Amino acid sequence: MDINDISTCEKFVMKVIWDSTEDLALQDIMGKVNEENDKSWKPQTVSTFLSRLVRKGYLSMYRKGRYCYYQPIVSKEEFWKATVTEDARIFSNGSLEAFAYCLCDEMLSEDEVERLKRKLDELN
């Protein structure tokens, strides 16, 4: 999986699919993407993104009746891990510790830092 090979628009589509508990057809995906991201994309636009995501190996597609349904091949967690690892590689010389420090120091609220501390304590 090459996380640099996915556009922001394709991420919007993937998020809708990842967040769903069932396989979705084009119309369902289009409606949710438009609603969640204040877009007005037409079916052809979303269909193009879906085709690209299938070609890139992020999604699989199957036909049921006259509709095509989409399933994620790459999980949201896999994508997140790859994204964080790549960002750490680029911005903090591969150090996840430095990356996490930056998040805690500048981007997370006190409550979020406390939840993160509890999670780290669980790992020990």
N, C-alpha and C. Protein backbone atom coordinates (compact mmCIF):
# COMPACT_ATOMS: atom_id res chain seq x y z
N MET A 1 0.84 -1.18 0.00
CA MET A 1 0.00 0.00 0.00
C MET A 1 0.89 1.24 0.00
N ASP A 2 0.66 2.10 -0.95
CA ASP A 2 1.39 3.36 -1.02
C ASP A 2 0.45 4.47 -0.58
N ILE A 3 0.60 4.93 0.66
CA ILE A 3 -0.32 5.95 1.18
C ILE A 3 -0.19 7.28 0.45
N ASN A 4 0.92 7.47 -0.26
CA ASN A 4 1.09 8.70 -1.03
C ASN A 4 0.35 8.64 -2.35
N ASP A 5 -0.21 7.49 -2.66
CA ASP A 5 -0.89 7.27 -3.92
C ASP A 5 -2.41 7.46 -3.80
N ILE A 6 -2.87 8.02 -2.69
CA ILE A 6 -4.30 8.21 -2.47
C ILE A 6 -4.57 9.70 -2.25
N SER A 7 -5.51 10.22 -3.00
CA SER A 7 -5.83 11.65 -2.92
C SER A 7 -6.75 11.94 -1.73
N THR A 8 -6.88 13.20 -1.39
CA THR A 8 -7.79 13.60 -0.32
C THR A 8 -9.22 13.20 -0.66
N CYS A 9 -9.62 13.37 -1.89
CA CYS A 9 -10.98 12.99 -2.31
C CYS A 9 -11.19 11.48 -2.14
N GLU A 10 -10.18 10.71 -2.48
CA GLU A 10 -10.27 9.26 -2.31
C GLU A 10 -10.33 8.90 -0.83
N LYS A 11 -9.66 9.66 0.01
CA LYS A 11 -9.74 9.43 1.46
C LYS A 11 -11.15 9.68 1.97
N PHE A 12 -11.83 10.70 1.44
CA PHE A 12 -13.22 10.96 1.82
C PHE A 12 -14.08 9.74 1.52
N VAL A 13 -13.88 9.15 0.35
CA VAL A 13 -14.64 7.97 -0.07
C VAL A 13 -14.29 6.79 0.85
N MET A 14 -13.01 6.59 1.11
CA MET A 14 -12.60 5.48 1.96
C MET A 14 -13.17 5.62 3.37
N LYS A 15 -13.20 6.82 3.90
CA LYS A 15 -13.71 7.02 5.25
C LYS A 15 -15.17 6.58 5.34
N VAL A 16 -15.96 6.93 4.35
CA VAL A 16 -17.36 6.52 4.33
C VAL A 16 -17.46 4.99 4.33
N ILE A 17 -16.64 4.35 3.52
CA ILE A 17 -16.68 2.89 3.43
C ILE A 17 -16.18 2.26 4.72
N TRP A 18 -15.08 2.79 5.28
CA TRP A 18 -14.56 2.28 6.55
C TRP A 18 -15.58 2.43 7.68
N ASP A 19 -16.30 3.52 7.70
CA ASP A 19 -17.23 3.80 8.80
C ASP A 19 -18.53 3.00 8.70
N SER A 20 -18.78 2.38 7.57
CA SER A 20 -20.02 1.63 7.37
C SER A 20 -19.89 0.21 7.90
N THR A 21 -20.98 -0.31 8.43
CA THR A 21 -20.99 -1.69 8.91
C THR A 21 -21.44 -2.66 7.82
N GLU A 22 -21.81 -2.13 6.67
CA GLU A 22 -22.25 -2.98 5.56
C GLU A 22 -21.62 -2.50 4.27
N ASP A 23 -21.62 -3.37 3.27
CA ASP A 23 -21.10 -2.99 1.96
C ASP A 23 -22.04 -1.95 1.35
N LEU A 24 -21.46 -0.97 0.67
CA LEU A 24 -22.25 0.14 0.13
C LEU A 24 -22.19 0.16 -1.39
N ALA A 25 -23.27 0.65 -1.98
CA ALA A 25 -23.34 0.87 -3.42
C ALA A 25 -23.01 2.33 -3.71
N LEU A 26 -22.81 2.64 -4.97
CA LEU A 26 -22.42 3.98 -5.40
C LEU A 26 -23.32 5.07 -4.82
N GLN A 27 -24.62 4.92 -4.93
CA GLN A 27 -25.54 5.97 -4.45
C GLN A 27 -25.39 6.22 -2.96
N ASP A 28 -25.21 5.15 -2.19
CA ASP A 28 -25.03 5.28 -0.74
C ASP A 28 -23.74 6.03 -0.43
N ILE A 29 -22.68 5.63 -1.10
CA ILE A 29 -21.37 6.26 -0.88
C ILE A 29 -21.44 7.73 -1.25
N MET A 30 -22.01 8.03 -2.41
CA MET A 30 -22.11 9.41 -2.88
C MET A 30 -22.89 10.26 -1.87
N GLY A 31 -24.02 9.76 -1.40
CA GLY A 31 -24.84 10.51 -0.45
C GLY A 31 -24.10 10.83 0.83
N LYS A 32 -23.39 9.83 1.37
CA LYS A 32 -22.67 10.03 2.63
C LYS A 32 -21.46 10.94 2.46
N VAL A 33 -20.72 10.76 1.36
CA VAL A 33 -19.56 11.63 1.11
C VAL A 33 -20.02 13.08 0.98
N ASN A 34 -21.08 13.30 0.21
CA ASN A 34 -21.59 14.66 0.01
C ASN A 34 -22.06 15.27 1.33
N GLU A 35 -22.75 14.48 2.12
CA GLU A 35 -23.28 14.97 3.40
C GLU A 35 -22.17 15.28 4.39
N GLU A 36 -21.22 14.37 4.54
CA GLU A 36 -20.17 14.52 5.54
C GLU A 36 -19.13 15.59 5.19
N ASN A 37 -18.97 15.86 3.89
CA ASN A 37 -17.89 16.76 3.46
C ASN A 37 -18.39 18.00 2.73
N ASP A 38 -19.69 18.24 2.82
CA ASP A 38 -20.30 19.41 2.19
C ASP A 38 -19.92 19.49 0.71
N LYS A 39 -20.08 18.36 0.02
CA LYS A 39 -19.78 18.27 -1.41
C LYS A 39 -21.08 18.15 -2.19
N SER A 40 -20.98 18.28 -3.48
CA SER A 40 -22.13 18.02 -4.36
C SER A 40 -21.65 17.19 -5.55
N TRP A 41 -20.91 16.13 -5.24
CA TRP A 41 -20.36 15.28 -6.28
C TRP A 41 -21.46 14.49 -6.96
N LYS A 42 -21.30 14.31 -8.25
CA LYS A 42 -22.23 13.53 -9.07
C LYS A 42 -21.79 12.07 -9.07
N PRO A 43 -22.68 11.17 -9.49
CA PRO A 43 -22.33 9.74 -9.51
C PRO A 43 -21.05 9.44 -10.30
N GLN A 44 -20.85 10.10 -11.43
CA GLN A 44 -19.66 9.83 -12.24
C GLN A 44 -18.37 10.18 -11.50
N THR A 45 -18.40 11.25 -10.73
CA THR A 45 -17.22 11.65 -9.95
C THR A 45 -16.87 10.59 -8.91
N VAL A 46 -17.88 10.17 -8.15
CA VAL A 46 -17.64 9.17 -7.10
C VAL A 46 -17.25 7.84 -7.74
N SER A 47 -17.88 7.51 -8.86
CA SER A 47 -17.54 6.27 -9.57
C SER A 47 -16.08 6.27 -10.00
N THR A 48 -15.58 7.41 -10.44
CA THR A 48 -14.17 7.53 -10.83
C THR A 48 -13.27 7.26 -9.63
N PHE A 49 -13.58 7.86 -8.47
CA PHE A 49 -12.78 7.63 -7.26
C PHE A 49 -12.83 6.16 -6.86
N LEU A 50 -14.00 5.54 -6.93
CA LEU A 50 -14.14 4.14 -6.57
C LEU A 50 -13.31 3.25 -7.50
N SER A 51 -13.36 3.54 -8.78
CA SER A 51 -12.57 2.75 -9.75
C SER A 51 -11.08 2.86 -9.45
N ARG A 52 -10.63 4.06 -9.14
CA ARG A 52 -9.21 4.26 -8.81
C ARG A 52 -8.83 3.48 -7.55
N LEU A 53 -9.71 3.51 -6.54
CA LEU A 53 -9.42 2.82 -5.29
C LEU A 53 -9.40 1.30 -5.48
N VAL A 54 -10.24 0.79 -6.37
CA VAL A 54 -10.20 -0.64 -6.70
C VAL A 54 -8.87 -0.95 -7.39
N ARG A 55 -8.50 -0.13 -8.37
CA ARG A 55 -7.26 -0.34 -9.12
C ARG A 55 -6.02 -0.26 -8.21
N LYS A 56 -6.07 0.62 -7.22
CA LYS A 56 -4.93 0.80 -6.31
C LYS A 56 -4.89 -0.26 -5.20
N GLY A 57 -5.92 -1.10 -5.12
CA GLY A 57 -5.93 -2.17 -4.13
C GLY A 57 -6.51 -1.80 -2.78
N TYR A 58 -7.21 -0.70 -2.68
CA TYR A 58 -7.83 -0.31 -1.42
C TYR A 58 -9.22 -0.93 -1.25
N LEU A 59 -9.90 -1.19 -2.37
CA LEU A 59 -11.27 -1.71 -2.35
C LEU A 59 -11.40 -2.92 -3.26
N SER A 60 -12.41 -3.73 -2.94
CA SER A 60 -12.86 -4.74 -3.89
C SER A 60 -14.30 -4.40 -4.24
N MET A 61 -14.75 -4.89 -5.38
CA MET A 61 -16.09 -4.58 -5.86
C MET A 61 -16.75 -5.88 -6.30
N TYR A 62 -18.03 -6.02 -6.00
CA TYR A 62 -18.79 -7.17 -6.50
C TYR A 62 -20.17 -6.69 -6.94
N ARG A 63 -20.75 -7.43 -7.86
CA ARG A 63 -22.08 -7.11 -8.37
C ARG A 63 -23.13 -7.95 -7.66
N LYS A 64 -24.23 -7.31 -7.36
CA LYS A 64 -25.39 -8.00 -6.81
C LYS A 64 -26.60 -7.38 -7.50
N GLY A 65 -27.19 -8.12 -8.41
CA GLY A 65 -28.26 -7.55 -9.21
C GLY A 65 -27.68 -6.50 -10.14
N ARG A 66 -28.32 -5.36 -10.17
CA ARG A 66 -27.81 -4.30 -11.05
C ARG A 66 -26.87 -3.32 -10.35
N TYR A 67 -26.54 -3.59 -9.09
CA TYR A 67 -25.70 -2.66 -8.34
C TYR A 67 -24.32 -3.26 -8.06
N CYS A 68 -23.34 -2.38 -7.95
CA CYS A 68 -22.00 -2.76 -7.53
C CYS A 68 -21.82 -2.34 -6.08
N TYR A 69 -21.25 -3.23 -5.29
CA TYR A 69 -21.00 -2.95 -3.89
C TYR A 69 -19.50 -2.97 -3.64
N TYR A 70 -19.08 -2.18 -2.66
CA TYR A 70 -17.65 -2.00 -2.39
C TYR A 70 -17.32 -2.41 -0.97
N GLN A 71 -16.18 -3.08 -0.83
CA GLN A 71 -15.66 -3.53 0.45
C GLN A 71 -14.21 -3.07 0.58
N PRO A 72 -13.80 -2.67 1.78
CA PRO A 72 -12.40 -2.29 1.96
C PRO A 72 -11.50 -3.52 1.97
N ILE A 73 -10.38 -3.42 1.30
CA ILE A 73 -9.32 -4.43 1.38
C ILE A 73 -8.32 -3.99 2.45
N VAL A 74 -8.04 -2.70 2.48
CA VAL A 74 -7.14 -2.10 3.47
C VAL A 74 -8.01 -1.56 4.60
N SER A 75 -7.70 -1.96 5.83
CA SER A 75 -8.48 -1.48 6.97
C SER A 75 -8.08 -0.04 7.32
N LYS A 76 -8.98 0.61 8.02
CA LYS A 76 -8.69 1.97 8.48
C LYS A 76 -7.46 1.97 9.38
N GLU A 77 -7.35 0.96 10.24
CA GLU A 77 -6.21 0.88 11.15
C GLU A 77 -4.90 0.70 10.41
N GLU A 78 -4.90 -0.17 9.38
CA GLU A 78 -3.70 -0.36 8.56
C GLU A 78 -3.28 0.95 7.91
N PHE A 79 -4.27 1.67 7.38
CA PHE A 79 -3.99 2.95 6.72
C PHE A 79 -3.45 3.96 7.72
N TRP A 80 -4.07 4.05 8.90
CA TRP A 80 -3.60 4.98 9.93
C TRP A 80 -2.16 4.68 10.30
N LYS A 81 -1.87 3.42 10.56
CA LYS A 81 -0.50 3.05 10.95
C LYS A 81 0.50 3.42 9.87
N ALA A 82 0.16 3.15 8.63
CA ALA A 82 1.06 3.48 7.53
C ALA A 82 1.23 4.99 7.41
N THR A 83 0.15 5.73 7.61
CA THR A 83 0.21 7.19 7.53
C THR A 83 1.09 7.77 8.63
N VAL A 84 0.88 7.31 9.86
CA VAL A 84 1.68 7.81 10.99
C VAL A 84 3.15 7.44 10.81
N THR A 85 3.40 6.22 10.39
CA THR A 85 4.79 5.79 10.17
C THR A 85 5.46 6.64 9.10
N GLU A 86 4.75 6.91 8.01
CA GLU A 86 5.31 7.73 6.93
C GLU A 86 5.54 9.16 7.40
N ASP A 87 4.57 9.72 8.13
CA ASP A 87 4.74 11.09 8.64
C ASP A 87 5.90 11.17 9.63
N ALA A 88 6.03 10.16 10.49
CA ALA A 88 7.16 10.15 11.43
C ALA A 88 8.47 10.06 10.67
N ARG A 89 8.51 9.25 9.62
CA ARG A 89 9.72 9.10 8.81
C ARG A 89 10.11 10.45 8.20
N ILE A 90 9.13 11.17 7.69
CA ILE A 90 9.41 12.43 7.00
C ILE A 90 9.72 13.56 7.99
N PHE A 91 8.91 13.70 9.03
CA PHE A 91 9.00 14.88 9.88
C PHE A 91 9.83 14.72 11.14
N SER A 92 10.11 13.47 11.53
CA SER A 92 10.89 13.31 12.77
C SER A 92 11.93 12.20 12.62
N ASN A 93 12.48 12.11 11.43
CA ASN A 93 13.56 11.16 11.14
C ASN A 93 13.23 9.73 11.56
N GLY A 94 11.95 9.36 11.42
CA GLY A 94 11.54 7.99 11.72
C GLY A 94 11.23 7.72 13.17
N SER A 95 11.37 8.71 14.03
CA SER A 95 11.14 8.52 15.45
C SER A 95 9.67 8.71 15.79
N LEU A 96 9.01 7.61 16.13
CA LEU A 96 7.61 7.71 16.56
C LEU A 96 7.52 8.44 17.90
N GLU A 97 8.56 8.31 18.71
CA GLU A 97 8.58 9.01 20.00
C GLU A 97 8.55 10.52 19.78
N ALA A 98 9.39 11.02 18.88
CA ALA A 98 9.40 12.47 18.59
C ALA A 98 8.07 12.91 17.99
N PHE A 99 7.53 12.07 17.15
CA PHE A 99 6.23 12.38 16.54
C PHE A 99 5.15 12.47 17.62
N ALA A 100 5.11 11.50 18.53
CA ALA A 100 4.13 11.50 19.61
C ALA A 100 4.34 12.70 20.54
N TYR A 101 5.61 13.03 20.80
CA TYR A 101 5.92 14.19 21.64
C TYR A 101 5.33 15.47 21.03
N CYS A 102 5.48 15.62 19.73
CA CYS A 102 4.94 16.80 19.05
C CYS A 102 3.42 16.85 19.20
N LEU A 103 2.77 15.71 19.06
CA LEU A 103 1.32 15.67 19.23
C LEU A 103 0.92 16.08 20.64
N CYS A 104 1.61 15.50 21.62
CA CYS A 104 1.27 15.79 23.02
C CYS A 104 1.58 17.22 23.40
N ASP A 105 2.67 17.73 22.88
CA ASP A 105 3.13 19.06 23.26
C ASP A 105 2.30 20.17 22.62
N GLU A 106 1.81 19.94 21.42
CA GLU A 106 1.21 21.06 20.69
C GLU A 106 -0.20 20.83 20.16
N MET A 107 -0.64 19.57 20.06
CA MET A 107 -1.87 19.34 19.33
C MET A 107 -2.99 18.70 20.15
N LEU A 108 -2.66 18.01 21.22
CA LEU A 108 -3.67 17.32 22.01
C LEU A 108 -4.10 18.15 23.21
N SER A 109 -5.37 18.01 23.56
CA SER A 109 -5.88 18.68 24.76
C SER A 109 -5.36 17.94 25.99
N GLU A 110 -5.53 18.56 27.16
CA GLU A 110 -5.09 17.91 28.39
C GLU A 110 -5.82 16.59 28.61
N ASP A 111 -7.10 16.54 28.31
CA ASP A 111 -7.87 15.30 28.45
C ASP A 111 -7.35 14.22 27.52
N GLU A 112 -7.02 14.60 26.31
CA GLU A 112 -6.49 13.62 25.35
C GLU A 112 -5.12 13.10 25.80
N VAL A 113 -4.30 13.98 26.35
CA VAL A 113 -2.99 13.56 26.87
C VAL A 113 -3.18 12.59 28.03
N GLU A 114 -4.14 12.86 28.91
CA GLU A 114 -4.40 11.97 30.04
C GLU A 114 -4.87 10.60 29.56
N ARG A 115 -5.74 10.56 28.57
CA ARG A 115 -6.19 9.27 28.02
C ARG A 115 -5.02 8.52 27.39
N LEU A 116 -4.15 9.25 26.73
CA LEU A 116 -2.97 8.64 26.12
C LEU A 116 -2.03 8.08 27.20
N LYS A 117 -1.85 8.82 28.28
CA LYS A 117 -1.03 8.33 29.39
C LYS A 117 -1.59 7.02 29.94
N ARG A 118 -2.91 6.97 30.13
CA ARG A 118 -3.54 5.74 30.63
C ARG A 118 -3.33 4.58 29.67
N LYS A 119 -3.42 4.85 28.39
CA LYS A 119 -3.18 3.80 27.39
C LYS A 119 -1.74 3.30 27.44
N LEU A 120 -0.81 4.22 27.56
CA LEU A 120 0.61 3.83 27.66
C LEU A 120 0.87 3.02 28.92
N ASP A 121 0.22 3.40 30.02
CA ASP A 121 0.37 2.65 31.28
C ASP A 121 -0.16 1.22 31.11
N GLU A 122 -1.23 1.05 30.36
CA GLU A 122 -1.79 -0.29 30.11
C GLU A 122 -0.80 -1.17 29.36
N LEU A 123 0.01 -0.58 28.53
CA LEU A 123 0.96 -1.33 27.72
C LEU A 123 2.15 -1.83 28.52
N ASN A 124 2.41 -1.21 29.67
CA ASN A 124 3.56 -1.59 30.50
C ASN A 124 3.28 -2.81 31.32
